[in-house]
Amino acid sequence: MPDYVEHRDGATEIGKLTAEAIVREYEAAAKDIEAMGAELIERVKQCEAMTRDALAVTQEMKETAMRYREEAKRIFVQIEDCSQMTAEVRKTCTELKERIAVPATA
C-alpha cells in the first residue's frame, strides 16, 4: 500500500480491502503516467538532437550554396574576360586585315 494513505479507525475489513485495491490501481496508473512522462522526455531529447542535426545540416547547405555562388561568379567573370579578349582579338585582326588590304601609297 502506498505511504500516502493509511486506514482510518473504524473502517471495516471489506472497506479497507476495497480501499487498498482501488489505491493500488490508481498508484499503478500514476506510475504508468510517470513512465509516459519519462518516455516523453526521451522523445523531446531525440527531437532536440534532430533539431541540432537539422541546424548543422542547414548551415552546411548555406555554405554549399555560398560556394556555388562564388563558383558561378568566378565562371561568369572568366566567360566575360574570354569574351572581351575574343572581341579584342577580332578587332585587332580586322584592323590588321584592313591595313594589309589597303594599297601602299608610294
N, C-alpha and C. Protein backbone atom coordinates (compact mmCIF):
# COMPACT_ATOMS: atom_id res chain seq x y z
N MET A 1 0.86 -1.18 0.00
CA MET A 1 0.00 0.00 0.00
C MET A 1 0.90 1.23 0.00
N PRO A 2 0.59 2.24 -0.83
CA PRO A 2 1.41 3.45 -0.88
C PRO A 2 1.44 4.16 0.46
N ASP A 3 2.53 4.88 0.71
CA ASP A 3 2.69 5.53 2.02
C ASP A 3 1.88 6.82 2.15
N TYR A 4 1.22 7.26 1.11
CA TYR A 4 0.43 8.50 1.20
C TYR A 4 -1.00 8.27 1.69
N VAL A 5 -1.34 6.99 1.98
CA VAL A 5 -2.66 6.68 2.55
C VAL A 5 -2.49 5.77 3.76
N GLU A 6 -3.44 5.83 4.64
CA GLU A 6 -3.48 4.88 5.77
C GLU A 6 -4.93 4.68 6.18
N HIS A 7 -5.17 3.50 6.70
CA HIS A 7 -6.54 3.18 7.10
C HIS A 7 -6.95 4.05 8.28
N ARG A 8 -8.23 4.37 8.28
CA ARG A 8 -8.78 5.14 9.40
C ARG A 8 -9.41 4.17 10.41
N ASP A 9 -9.43 4.62 11.60
CA ASP A 9 -10.10 3.81 12.63
C ASP A 9 -11.57 3.68 12.30
N GLY A 10 -12.07 2.53 12.49
CA GLY A 10 -13.49 2.30 12.29
C GLY A 10 -13.84 1.76 10.92
N ALA A 11 -12.85 1.73 10.00
CA ALA A 11 -13.14 1.20 8.66
C ALA A 11 -13.29 -0.31 8.76
N THR A 12 -14.26 -0.86 8.06
CA THR A 12 -14.47 -2.31 8.10
C THR A 12 -13.38 -3.01 7.29
N GLU A 13 -13.26 -4.29 7.49
CA GLU A 13 -12.24 -5.06 6.77
C GLU A 13 -12.50 -5.02 5.27
N ILE A 14 -13.77 -5.17 4.87
CA ILE A 14 -14.13 -5.09 3.45
C ILE A 14 -13.82 -3.70 2.90
N GLY A 15 -14.11 -2.66 3.67
CA GLY A 15 -13.81 -1.29 3.25
C GLY A 15 -12.31 -1.08 3.10
N LYS A 16 -11.52 -1.62 4.05
CA LYS A 16 -10.07 -1.49 3.97
C LYS A 16 -9.51 -2.21 2.73
N LEU A 17 -9.98 -3.45 2.51
CA LEU A 17 -9.50 -4.22 1.35
C LEU A 17 -9.89 -3.54 0.04
N THR A 18 -11.11 -3.05 -0.02
CA THR A 18 -11.57 -2.36 -1.23
C THR A 18 -10.77 -1.08 -1.45
N ALA A 19 -10.56 -0.30 -0.38
CA ALA A 19 -9.79 0.94 -0.50
C ALA A 19 -8.36 0.64 -0.94
N GLU A 20 -7.76 -0.42 -0.38
CA GLU A 20 -6.40 -0.80 -0.77
C GLU A 20 -6.34 -1.20 -2.24
N ALA A 21 -7.31 -1.99 -2.69
CA ALA A 21 -7.34 -2.42 -4.08
C ALA A 21 -7.47 -1.22 -5.02
N ILE A 22 -8.33 -0.29 -4.67
CA ILE A 22 -8.54 0.90 -5.51
C ILE A 22 -7.28 1.77 -5.54
N VAL A 23 -6.67 1.99 -4.35
CA VAL A 23 -5.49 2.84 -4.30
C VAL A 23 -4.33 2.20 -5.06
N ARG A 24 -4.24 0.86 -5.04
CA ARG A 24 -3.20 0.18 -5.82
C ARG A 24 -3.42 0.39 -7.32
N GLU A 25 -4.66 0.31 -7.76
CA GLU A 25 -4.96 0.55 -9.18
C GLU A 25 -4.61 1.99 -9.58
N TYR A 26 -4.99 2.93 -8.73
CA TYR A 26 -4.65 4.33 -9.00
C TYR A 26 -3.13 4.53 -9.00
N GLU A 27 -2.46 3.89 -8.06
CA GLU A 27 -1.00 4.00 -7.97
C GLU A 27 -0.34 3.42 -9.23
N ALA A 28 -0.86 2.29 -9.68
CA ALA A 28 -0.32 1.68 -10.91
C ALA A 28 -0.53 2.63 -12.09
N ALA A 29 -1.70 3.24 -12.17
CA ALA A 29 -1.97 4.19 -13.25
C ALA A 29 -1.05 5.41 -13.13
N ALA A 30 -0.83 5.88 -11.88
CA ALA A 30 0.06 7.02 -11.67
C ALA A 30 1.48 6.69 -12.12
N LYS A 31 1.93 5.48 -11.83
CA LYS A 31 3.28 5.06 -12.26
C LYS A 31 3.34 4.97 -13.79
N ASP A 32 2.28 4.49 -14.41
CA ASP A 32 2.23 4.45 -15.88
C ASP A 32 2.29 5.87 -16.46
N ILE A 33 1.59 6.79 -15.84
CA ILE A 33 1.61 8.19 -16.28
C ILE A 33 3.03 8.75 -16.16
N GLU A 34 3.69 8.47 -15.02
CA GLU A 34 5.07 8.92 -14.84
C GLU A 34 5.99 8.31 -15.90
N ALA A 35 5.77 7.04 -16.19
CA ALA A 35 6.58 6.37 -17.22
C ALA A 35 6.37 7.03 -18.58
N MET A 36 5.12 7.41 -18.87
CA MET A 36 4.85 8.12 -20.12
C MET A 36 5.58 9.46 -20.13
N GLY A 37 5.62 10.12 -18.98
CA GLY A 37 6.36 11.38 -18.88
C GLY A 37 7.83 11.18 -19.17
N ALA A 38 8.40 10.10 -18.62
CA ALA A 38 9.81 9.80 -18.88
C ALA A 38 10.03 9.49 -20.36
N GLU A 39 9.10 8.76 -20.95
CA GLU A 39 9.18 8.45 -22.38
C GLU A 39 9.07 9.74 -23.20
N LEU A 40 8.19 10.63 -22.79
CA LEU A 40 8.04 11.91 -23.48
C LEU A 40 9.34 12.71 -23.41
N ILE A 41 9.97 12.72 -22.25
CA ILE A 41 11.25 13.43 -22.11
C ILE A 41 12.29 12.83 -23.05
N GLU A 42 12.30 11.51 -23.16
CA GLU A 42 13.23 10.86 -24.09
C GLU A 42 12.96 11.29 -25.53
N ARG A 43 11.68 11.38 -25.90
CA ARG A 43 11.33 11.84 -27.26
C ARG A 43 11.73 13.29 -27.47
N VAL A 44 11.57 14.10 -26.43
CA VAL A 44 11.99 15.52 -26.52
C VAL A 44 13.49 15.59 -26.76
N LYS A 45 14.26 14.76 -26.06
CA LYS A 45 15.71 14.74 -26.26
C LYS A 45 16.06 14.34 -27.69
N GLN A 46 15.32 13.36 -28.21
CA GLN A 46 15.54 12.95 -29.60
C GLN A 46 15.20 14.09 -30.55
N CYS A 47 14.12 14.79 -30.28
CA CYS A 47 13.74 15.94 -31.12
C CYS A 47 14.80 17.03 -31.06
N GLU A 48 15.31 17.28 -29.86
CA GLU A 48 16.37 18.28 -29.72
C GLU A 48 17.60 17.88 -30.52
N ALA A 49 17.95 16.61 -30.46
CA ALA A 49 19.10 16.12 -31.23
C ALA A 49 18.85 16.28 -32.72
N MET A 50 17.63 15.94 -33.16
CA MET A 50 17.29 16.11 -34.58
C MET A 50 17.34 17.58 -34.97
N THR A 51 16.89 18.45 -34.08
CA THR A 51 16.92 19.89 -34.35
C THR A 51 18.36 20.36 -34.50
N ARG A 52 19.22 19.92 -33.58
CA ARG A 52 20.64 20.30 -33.68
C ARG A 52 21.22 19.81 -35.00
N ASP A 53 20.92 18.56 -35.35
CA ASP A 53 21.43 17.99 -36.60
C ASP A 53 20.89 18.77 -37.79
N ALA A 54 19.61 19.11 -37.74
CA ALA A 54 19.00 19.86 -38.85
C ALA A 54 19.63 21.24 -38.98
N LEU A 55 19.91 21.88 -37.86
CA LEU A 55 20.56 23.19 -37.90
C LEU A 55 21.97 23.08 -38.48
N ALA A 56 22.68 22.03 -38.10
CA ALA A 56 24.02 21.82 -38.64
C ALA A 56 23.96 21.58 -40.14
N VAL A 57 23.01 20.76 -40.57
CA VAL A 57 22.86 20.47 -42.00
C VAL A 57 22.44 21.74 -42.74
N THR A 58 21.56 22.52 -42.13
CA THR A 58 21.13 23.76 -42.76
C THR A 58 22.32 24.70 -42.94
N GLN A 59 23.18 24.78 -41.93
CA GLN A 59 24.37 25.62 -42.04
C GLN A 59 25.28 25.10 -43.15
N GLU A 60 25.42 23.79 -43.22
CA GLU A 60 26.23 23.20 -44.28
C GLU A 60 25.64 23.51 -45.66
N MET A 61 24.31 23.48 -45.75
CA MET A 61 23.65 23.79 -47.02
C MET A 61 23.89 25.25 -47.41
N LYS A 62 23.84 26.15 -46.42
CA LYS A 62 24.10 27.56 -46.70
C LYS A 62 25.53 27.75 -47.21
N GLU A 63 26.47 27.05 -46.58
CA GLU A 63 27.86 27.16 -47.01
C GLU A 63 28.04 26.60 -48.42
N THR A 64 27.36 25.50 -48.72
CA THR A 64 27.43 24.93 -50.07
C THR A 64 26.84 25.90 -51.09
N ALA A 65 25.71 26.49 -50.76
CA ALA A 65 25.09 27.47 -51.66
C ALA A 65 26.03 28.66 -51.88
N MET A 66 26.71 29.10 -50.82
CA MET A 66 27.64 30.21 -50.94
C MET A 66 28.80 29.83 -51.88
N ARG A 67 29.32 28.60 -51.72
CA ARG A 67 30.40 28.14 -52.62
C ARG A 67 29.91 28.08 -54.07
N TYR A 68 28.67 27.66 -54.30
CA TYR A 68 28.11 27.63 -55.65
C TYR A 68 28.05 29.03 -56.23
N ARG A 69 27.61 29.98 -55.41
CA ARG A 69 27.54 31.36 -55.89
C ARG A 69 28.92 31.91 -56.21
N GLU A 70 29.90 31.59 -55.37
CA GLU A 70 31.27 32.04 -55.64
C GLU A 70 31.79 31.43 -56.94
N GLU A 71 31.51 30.15 -57.14
CA GLU A 71 31.93 29.48 -58.37
C GLU A 71 31.22 30.07 -59.58
N ALA A 72 29.93 30.36 -59.43
CA ALA A 72 29.18 30.98 -60.53
C ALA A 72 29.79 32.33 -60.88
N LYS A 73 30.15 33.10 -59.87
CA LYS A 73 30.75 34.41 -60.11
C LYS A 73 32.10 34.26 -60.82
N ARG A 74 32.90 33.28 -60.37
CA ARG A 74 34.21 33.05 -60.99
C ARG A 74 34.05 32.68 -62.47
N ILE A 75 33.12 31.78 -62.75
CA ILE A 75 32.89 31.36 -64.14
C ILE A 75 32.34 32.52 -64.96
N PHE A 76 31.42 33.29 -64.38
CA PHE A 76 30.84 34.46 -65.05
C PHE A 76 31.95 35.42 -65.48
N VAL A 77 32.84 35.75 -64.53
CA VAL A 77 33.94 36.67 -64.83
C VAL A 77 34.86 36.08 -65.88
N GLN A 78 35.16 34.79 -65.76
CA GLN A 78 36.03 34.14 -66.73
C GLN A 78 35.44 34.18 -68.13
N ILE A 79 34.15 33.90 -68.24
CA ILE A 79 33.49 33.94 -69.55
C ILE A 79 33.50 35.35 -70.12
N GLU A 80 33.20 36.33 -69.29
CA GLU A 80 33.21 37.71 -69.78
C GLU A 80 34.62 38.13 -70.17
N ASP A 81 35.63 37.71 -69.41
CA ASP A 81 37.02 38.01 -69.77
C ASP A 81 37.38 37.39 -71.11
N CYS A 82 37.00 36.12 -71.30
CA CYS A 82 37.27 35.44 -72.57
C CYS A 82 36.53 36.14 -73.72
N SER A 83 35.30 36.53 -73.46
CA SER A 83 34.51 37.22 -74.48
C SER A 83 35.16 38.54 -74.85
N GLN A 84 35.61 39.27 -73.84
CA GLN A 84 36.25 40.56 -74.09
C GLN A 84 37.56 40.36 -74.85
N MET A 85 38.36 39.34 -74.44
CA MET A 85 39.60 39.07 -75.12
C MET A 85 39.35 38.66 -76.57
N THR A 86 38.34 37.84 -76.80
CA THR A 86 37.99 37.42 -78.15
C THR A 86 37.59 38.62 -79.00
N ALA A 87 36.80 39.51 -78.39
CA ALA A 87 36.39 40.73 -79.13
C ALA A 87 37.61 41.57 -79.48
N GLU A 88 38.57 41.67 -78.55
CA GLU A 88 39.78 42.45 -78.83
C GLU A 88 40.62 41.79 -79.92
N VAL A 89 40.72 40.44 -79.89
CA VAL A 89 41.45 39.72 -80.93
C VAL A 89 40.80 39.95 -82.28
N ARG A 90 39.47 39.84 -82.32
CA ARG A 90 38.75 40.05 -83.60
C ARG A 90 38.96 41.47 -84.11
N LYS A 91 38.92 42.44 -83.20
CA LYS A 91 39.12 43.84 -83.59
C LYS A 91 40.53 44.03 -84.13
N THR A 92 41.50 43.44 -83.44
CA THR A 92 42.89 43.55 -83.89
C THR A 92 43.06 42.88 -85.25
N CYS A 93 42.46 41.71 -85.43
CA CYS A 93 42.54 41.01 -86.71
C CYS A 93 41.90 41.83 -87.82
N THR A 94 40.74 42.41 -87.52
CA THR A 94 40.05 43.24 -88.51
C THR A 94 40.91 44.44 -88.88
N GLU A 95 41.48 45.11 -87.89
CA GLU A 95 42.33 46.27 -88.16
C GLU A 95 43.56 45.86 -88.97
N LEU A 96 44.15 44.72 -88.63
CA LEU A 96 45.33 44.25 -89.35
C LEU A 96 44.97 43.89 -90.79
N LYS A 97 43.81 43.23 -90.96
CA LYS A 97 43.35 42.89 -92.31
C LYS A 97 43.15 44.15 -93.15
N GLU A 98 42.56 45.17 -92.52
CA GLU A 98 42.32 46.43 -93.22
C GLU A 98 43.64 47.09 -93.61
N ARG A 99 44.62 47.00 -92.72
CA ARG A 99 45.92 47.61 -93.02
C ARG A 99 46.65 46.86 -94.12
N ILE A 100 46.47 45.53 -94.11
CA ILE A 100 47.14 44.74 -95.15
C ILE A 100 46.45 44.94 -96.49
N ALA A 101 45.15 45.08 -96.49
CA ALA A 101 44.38 45.18 -97.72
C ALA A 101 44.51 46.55 -98.37
N VAL A 102 44.87 47.56 -97.63
CA VAL A 102 44.99 48.93 -98.19
C VAL A 102 46.28 48.98 -99.01
N PRO A 103 46.15 49.40 -100.26
CA PRO A 103 47.38 49.50 -101.10
C PRO A 103 48.32 50.58 -100.54
N ALA A 104 49.54 50.33 -100.59
CA ALA A 104 50.54 51.27 -100.09
C ALA A 104 50.68 52.43 -101.08
N THR A 105 50.78 53.62 -100.58
CA THR A 105 50.97 54.79 -101.44
C THR A 105 52.45 55.14 -101.42
N ALA A 106 53.02 55.24 -102.57
CA ALA A 106 54.45 55.50 -102.64
C ALA A 106 54.77 56.86 -103.16
